[in-house]
Structure formats: C-alpha cells, structure tokens
Amino acid sequence: MKVKKFIDLNSDLGESFGQWKMGNDQAMLQVVSSANIACGFHAGSPVTILDTLKAAKTNKVTIGAHVGYPDLVGFGRRNMEIESNELTADVIYQIGALKGLATSIGAKVSYVKPHGALYNTIANDKRQAMAVINAICQIDANLILVALAGSALIGWAKQKGLHVVAEAFADRSYHVDGTLVSRKETGAVLHDPELVAERMLQLVRDGGVTSIEGKFVTIEADSICVHGDSEGALAMAQKVREKLQQNGITITSFTKISDR
C-alpha cells in the first residue's frame, strides 16, 4: 500500500450559542486544516457562526457547512424521521445561511459535512441520504461532501456527480467490519491523546486501525475528524498533528490535495 504523505484534520466548530460555550474554537483553528462550522440548526448563533468564520479565514482554514437536524435542544444527536422535501429544504437553508455569512467577510464555503444523527442516518439510509445529496446538488454541486469511510452514502453521492471525501474519527473505536462502536458501549470513545495519535499514525501509514476486537480493519480516509466538544479535544488534536508531522505527514485541507 502507498503511504499517504498528506492528510486533512477537521473539527466541528462554531457550536456555542449565546452565553453557552462549546469548545475552544480559536485554539482548535490553529491545529486543524478544515472547519465544520455549525449552521444554526443543531448549534450556533449567527454572531458565533460569523466570528468562527472570521477566525477560520484568519487562520487560512478551509470552511465547511456542518448541517444537521433542526434540534437545538438535543444538539442534533436525536434521530428524526423528516420528509425528504423538508430535509432537502433544511439543508439548502443551512448551506445558504453559512454561504451568506461567509460572503460578507470574503470567505468561501467549500464543503458540507452532516452532523450527529443526520450524519449517522444518511450513511446507510438511502431516502434521507438522497434528500441531502439533492440539496447539495441544487444549491452548489461543486461543494464536496464529507462522509463516513466505508458508508453506502459515498457511492450514492458519487453517482449523482458529487466529489466525496471519506473521513475517519480520531477519538472513536471501530468494529472489525469498519463500523463505529456505539457511544453506548464501553470503549467507544477514546480519551488518551497519545493512544489516539498512535492510532491515527497507523491509519495514515497502514491504511487502517486496530479494531475493538483486536484485529486490523482497513479504513480508507482522506480526512480525520478530531471532535471539538469531547473531553481533552484540544490536547488530542495537537498530539495527532504533532505525531503525524513528526513522521513526515503534512496536514493540509483535502481541497488542496484533491485530484478533482
């Protein structure tokens, strides 16, 4: 297998709301190469979103729309059975809002990454997946879709002509079949920065990680998500970046290494 020399690091940002603060966006934007910025449905207020866009632009970080279900109370992590036309409109609305705010400061939205329950649902639910895919195609077919590595969503999106980037999760455990271990299970979420960094080096160098069952699982990904809201998120992201760079791997946005 050909060893990757470049990898993207992305993080979910812009999720604070009024007096309620989530994560350390300013510090995280000095670590990642792509920022998934909330669009107001699962998190983020207009001023928070705009401030995050400004910081992303200052740090030359690629900007993506982090679209989700209309679920502020549940932080977008509750499953929802939304009609296809409604979901399509919701996604168009969110992308449009972020594009408008970005345009106001001379910034650009380059990709879309669904959030939480929506992300997990459309990985294999074709009806909802097509609603999201259609939304992207209708508002801007040049937007890249970031999707779970190994998911059916990747094939469906490519069939509609979208460029897709597969991602892996730095702080999550995987089953031997390549699926994520449910957050309800022990060991699903990893917290040790050194362990996480070693696993991500394994991912980039060997093309996969050791599963929770103890066997190697292949994961083809061009982006690594380091969650901005998990415990010790910043230290974890910094350690991942440091470990990869020490091993000759350049951290850069997939928009700059894509063969589009």
Protein backbone atom coordinates (compact mmCIF):
# COMPACT_ATOMS: atom_id res chain seq x y z
CA MET A 1 0.00 0.00 0.00
CA LYS A 2 1.17 3.52 -0.86
CA VAL A 3 1.74 5.55 2.31
CA LYS A 4 -0.11 8.87 2.41
CA LYS A 5 2.05 11.96 2.69
CA PHE A 6 -0.85 14.34 3.24
CA ILE A 7 -3.96 14.21 5.45
CA ASP A 8 -6.71 16.63 6.41
CA LEU A 9 -7.68 17.30 10.02
CA ASN A 10 -11.21 18.60 10.55
CA SER A 11 -13.18 19.65 13.62
CA ASP A 12 -16.76 20.66 14.46
CA LEU A 13 -16.71 24.34 15.40
CA GLY A 14 -18.96 27.38 15.82
CA GLU A 15 -21.26 25.45 18.16
CA SER A 16 -21.51 27.97 21.01
CA PHE A 17 -24.89 29.62 21.48
CA GLY A 18 -25.24 32.94 23.29
CA GLN A 19 -23.86 32.58 26.81
CA TRP A 20 -23.47 28.81 26.33
CA LYS A 21 -19.91 27.98 25.25
CA MET A 22 -18.76 24.87 23.43
CA GLY A 23 -15.11 24.02 22.84
CA ASN A 24 -12.10 26.24 22.20
CA ASP A 25 -12.56 27.28 18.58
CA GLN A 26 -9.74 29.84 18.49
CA ALA A 27 -7.15 27.32 19.62
CA MET A 28 -8.54 24.47 17.51
CA LEU A 29 -8.35 26.61 14.38
CA GLN A 30 -4.59 26.75 14.84
CA VAL A 31 -4.44 22.94 14.67
CA VAL A 32 -6.92 21.78 12.03
CA SER A 33 -6.92 22.34 8.27
CA SER A 34 -10.71 22.23 7.79
CA ALA A 35 -13.52 23.60 9.97
CA ASN A 36 -17.02 22.14 10.01
CA ILE A 37 -18.97 25.23 11.07
CA ALA A 38 -22.43 24.89 12.60
CA CYS A 39 -25.29 26.42 10.62
CA GLY A 40 -27.76 27.20 13.40
CA PHE A 41 -29.97 24.10 13.35
CA HIS A 42 -28.18 21.87 15.88
CA ALA A 43 -25.98 24.61 17.38
CA GLY A 44 -24.51 28.03 16.75
CA SER A 45 -25.98 31.53 16.80
CA PRO A 46 -25.45 33.98 13.92
CA VAL A 47 -22.80 36.02 15.74
CA THR A 48 -20.96 32.89 16.90
CA ILE A 49 -21.01 31.46 13.39
CA LEU A 50 -19.74 34.73 11.91
CA ASP A 51 -16.96 35.02 14.50
CA THR A 52 -15.88 31.43 13.74
CA LEU A 53 -15.87 32.15 10.02
CA LYS A 54 -13.65 35.19 10.60
CA ALA A 55 -11.23 33.14 12.72
CA ALA A 56 -11.15 30.35 10.13
CA LYS A 57 -10.33 32.85 7.40
CA THR A 58 -7.58 34.42 9.51
CA ASN A 59 -6.02 31.00 10.10
CA LYS A 60 -6.43 30.02 6.42
CA VAL A 61 -8.56 27.05 7.38
CA THR A 62 -10.94 25.58 4.78
CA ILE A 63 -14.61 26.15 5.63
CA GLY A 64 -17.40 23.58 5.52
CA ALA A 65 -21.12 23.68 6.34
CA HIS A 66 -21.92 21.45 9.31
CA VAL A 67 -25.60 20.81 8.61
CA GLY A 68 -27.90 18.91 10.95
CA TYR A 69 -31.43 18.17 12.02
CA PRO A 70 -33.48 21.08 13.46
CA ASP A 71 -32.70 20.03 17.04
CA LEU A 72 -31.06 22.69 19.22
CA VAL A 73 -32.22 21.06 22.45
CA GLY A 74 -30.81 17.66 21.53
CA PHE A 75 -27.67 19.10 19.89
CA GLY A 76 -28.66 17.31 16.70
CA ARG A 77 -27.96 13.89 18.16
CA ARG A 78 -31.55 12.61 18.16
CA ASN A 79 -32.83 10.60 15.21
CA MET A 80 -35.59 12.31 13.24
CA GLU A 81 -37.91 10.98 10.52
CA ILE A 82 -38.17 14.04 8.30
CA GLU A 83 -39.93 14.04 4.93
CA SER A 84 -37.49 14.14 2.02
CA ASN A 85 -38.63 17.51 0.65
CA GLU A 86 -38.41 19.06 4.11
CA LEU A 87 -34.93 17.67 4.74
CA THR A 88 -33.73 18.92 1.36
CA ALA A 89 -35.07 22.39 2.13
CA ASP A 90 -33.50 22.32 5.61
CA VAL A 91 -30.06 21.52 4.19
CA ILE A 92 -30.33 24.14 1.43
CA TYR A 93 -31.36 26.69 4.08
CA GLN A 94 -28.38 25.92 6.29
CA ILE A 95 -25.82 25.95 3.49
CA GLY A 96 -27.32 29.19 2.20
CA ALA A 97 -27.09 30.82 5.61
CA LEU A 98 -23.42 29.90 6.02
CA LYS A 99 -22.63 30.98 2.47
CA GLY A 100 -24.26 34.34 3.14
CA LEU A 101 -22.27 34.95 6.31
CA ALA A 102 -19.06 33.78 4.63
CA THR A 103 -19.62 36.05 1.63
CA SER A 104 -19.99 39.04 3.95
CA ILE A 105 -16.35 38.65 5.05
CA GLY A 106 -14.91 37.49 1.74
CA ALA A 107 -14.69 33.83 2.76
CA LYS A 108 -15.79 30.72 0.87
CA VAL A 109 -17.70 27.57 1.85
CA SER A 110 -16.01 24.60 0.16
CA TYR A 111 -17.71 21.51 1.50
CA VAL A 112 -20.59 20.01 3.50
CA LYS A 113 -20.31 17.65 6.45
CA PRO A 114 -23.56 16.49 8.10
CA HIS A 115 -23.68 16.45 11.89
CA GLY A 116 -24.60 13.92 14.54
CA ALA A 117 -27.73 11.85 14.00
CA LEU A 118 -28.12 13.11 10.43
CA TYR A 119 -24.55 12.03 9.62
CA ASN A 120 -25.12 8.56 11.04
CA THR A 121 -28.54 8.12 9.45
CA ILE A 122 -27.60 9.05 5.90
CA ALA A 123 -24.55 6.80 6.00
CA ASN A 124 -26.91 3.93 5.12
CA ASP A 125 -30.47 5.32 4.86
CA LYS A 126 -30.88 5.96 1.15
CA ARG A 127 -34.05 8.06 1.35
CA GLN A 128 -32.60 10.64 3.71
CA ALA A 129 -29.21 10.41 2.03
CA MET A 130 -30.71 11.33 -1.33
CA ALA A 131 -32.54 14.26 0.26
CA VAL A 132 -29.21 15.65 1.48
CA ILE A 133 -27.42 14.86 -1.79
CA ASN A 134 -30.16 16.59 -3.78
CA ALA A 135 -29.89 19.65 -1.56
CA ILE A 136 -26.16 19.96 -2.25
CA CYS A 137 -26.66 19.44 -5.98
CA GLN A 138 -29.37 22.09 -6.08
CA ILE A 139 -27.54 24.84 -4.18
CA ASP A 140 -23.94 24.17 -5.31
CA ALA A 141 -22.85 20.94 -6.97
CA ASN A 142 -19.20 21.98 -6.58
CA LEU A 143 -19.39 21.53 -2.82
CA ILE A 144 -17.51 18.47 -1.56
CA LEU A 145 -19.40 16.03 0.68
CA VAL A 146 -17.54 14.63 3.69
CA ALA A 147 -18.89 11.20 4.60
CA LEU A 148 -18.17 8.23 6.86
CA ALA A 149 -15.47 5.99 5.38
CA GLY A 150 -16.96 2.78 4.05
CA SER A 151 -20.54 4.04 4.07
CA ALA A 152 -23.09 3.50 1.30
CA LEU A 153 -23.53 7.29 1.17
CA ILE A 154 -20.22 7.64 -0.67
CA GLY A 155 -21.43 5.59 -3.64
CA TRP A 156 -24.83 7.30 -3.81
CA ALA A 157 -23.25 10.76 -3.80
CA LYS A 158 -20.71 9.85 -6.47
CA GLN A 159 -23.49 8.52 -8.68
CA LYS A 160 -25.05 12.00 -8.57
CA GLY A 161 -21.75 13.56 -9.58
CA LEU A 162 -20.62 14.89 -6.22
CA HIS A 163 -17.00 14.79 -5.13
CA VAL A 164 -16.79 12.89 -1.83
CA VAL A 165 -14.09 12.76 0.83
CA ALA A 166 -14.16 9.85 3.27
CA GLU A 167 -13.29 10.53 6.89
CA ALA A 168 -12.21 8.61 9.95
CA PHE A 169 -12.65 9.58 13.60
CA ALA A 170 -9.63 10.08 15.81
CA ASP A 171 -11.39 9.54 19.13
CA ARG A 172 -13.71 6.66 18.20
CA SER A 173 -13.25 2.89 18.24
CA TYR A 174 -14.10 0.75 15.24
CA HIS A 175 -15.51 -2.75 14.86
CA VAL A 176 -13.72 -5.24 12.63
CA ASP A 177 -16.36 -4.65 9.92
CA GLY A 178 -15.40 -0.96 9.76
CA THR A 179 -18.43 0.41 11.60
CA LEU A 180 -18.10 2.74 14.57
CA VAL A 181 -18.60 1.30 18.04
CA SER A 182 -21.80 2.73 19.51
CA ARG A 183 -21.29 5.50 22.06
CA LYS A 184 -23.44 3.39 24.40
CA GLU A 185 -20.71 0.72 24.56
CA THR A 186 -17.65 0.76 26.80
CA GLY A 187 -14.54 1.86 24.96
CA ALA A 188 -16.41 3.56 22.13
CA VAL A 189 -14.85 6.97 22.80
CA LEU A 190 -11.10 7.30 23.31
CA HIS A 191 -9.57 9.94 25.60
CA ASP A 192 -5.82 9.25 25.74
CA PRO A 193 -4.10 11.74 23.37
CA GLU A 194 -1.03 9.53 22.89
CA LEU A 195 -3.12 6.45 22.06
CA VAL A 196 -5.30 8.44 19.67
CA ALA A 197 -2.24 9.92 17.95
CA GLU A 198 -0.65 6.48 17.52
CA ARG A 199 -3.88 5.13 16.02
CA MET A 200 -4.09 7.99 13.55
CA LEU A 201 -0.48 7.40 12.53
CA GLN A 202 -1.44 3.76 11.99
CA LEU A 203 -4.41 4.90 9.89
CA VAL A 204 -2.32 7.10 7.62
CA ARG A 205 0.69 4.80 7.44
CA ASP A 206 -1.05 1.40 7.25
CA GLY A 207 -4.48 2.28 5.86
CA GLY A 208 -6.49 1.26 8.90
CA VAL A 209 -6.57 0.79 12.67
CA THR A 210 -6.82 -1.96 15.24
CA SER A 211 -10.49 -2.71 15.89
CA ILE A 212 -12.06 -3.08 19.32
CA GLU A 213 -11.99 -6.84 18.65
CA GLY A 214 -8.19 -6.64 18.34
CA LYS A 215 -8.00 -7.21 14.59
CA PHE A 216 -6.81 -4.79 11.92
CA VAL A 217 -9.59 -3.09 9.94
CA THR A 218 -8.95 -1.24 6.68
CA ILE A 219 -10.28 2.34 6.64
CA GLU A 220 -9.77 4.41 3.51
CA ALA A 221 -9.95 8.04 4.57
CA ASP A 222 -8.52 11.36 3.41
CA SER A 223 -9.69 13.35 6.43
CA ILE A 224 -9.52 12.79 10.18
CA CYS A 225 -12.13 14.29 12.49
CA VAL A 226 -10.93 15.49 15.89
CA HIS A 227 -14.08 16.40 17.78
CA GLY A 228 -14.07 19.90 19.22
CA ASP A 229 -16.53 19.15 22.03
CA SER A 230 -15.06 15.98 23.55
CA GLU A 231 -13.06 15.91 26.78
CA GLY A 232 -9.46 16.95 26.16
CA ALA A 233 -10.25 17.70 22.50
CA LEU A 234 -7.59 20.34 22.01
CA ALA A 235 -4.77 18.28 23.55
CA MET A 236 -5.86 15.32 21.44
CA ALA A 237 -5.88 17.34 18.21
CA GLN A 238 -2.49 18.85 19.00
CA LYS A 239 -0.98 15.43 19.71
CA VAL A 240 -2.40 13.96 16.49
CA ARG A 241 -0.99 16.82 14.43
CA GLU A 242 2.38 16.60 16.19
CA LYS A 243 2.65 12.81 15.76
CA LEU A 244 1.78 12.91 12.07
CA GLN A 245 4.15 15.77 11.31
CA GLN A 246 6.98 14.05 13.18
CA ASN A 247 6.50 11.13 10.80
CA GLY A 248 6.71 13.21 7.65
CA ILE A 249 2.97 13.62 7.05
CA THR A 250 1.76 17.08 6.02
CA ILE A 251 -1.51 18.41 7.46
CA THR A 252 -3.45 20.12 4.70
CA SER A 253 -7.05 20.50 3.56
CA PHE A 254 -8.42 17.89 1.17
CA THR A 255 -9.38 20.80 -1.12
CA LYS A 256 -5.68 21.32 -1.76
CA ILE A 257 -4.74 17.68 -2.40
CA SER A 258 -7.85 16.54 -4.23
CA ASP A 259 -7.45 15.20 -7.77
CA ARG A 260 -10.66 16.88 -8.88
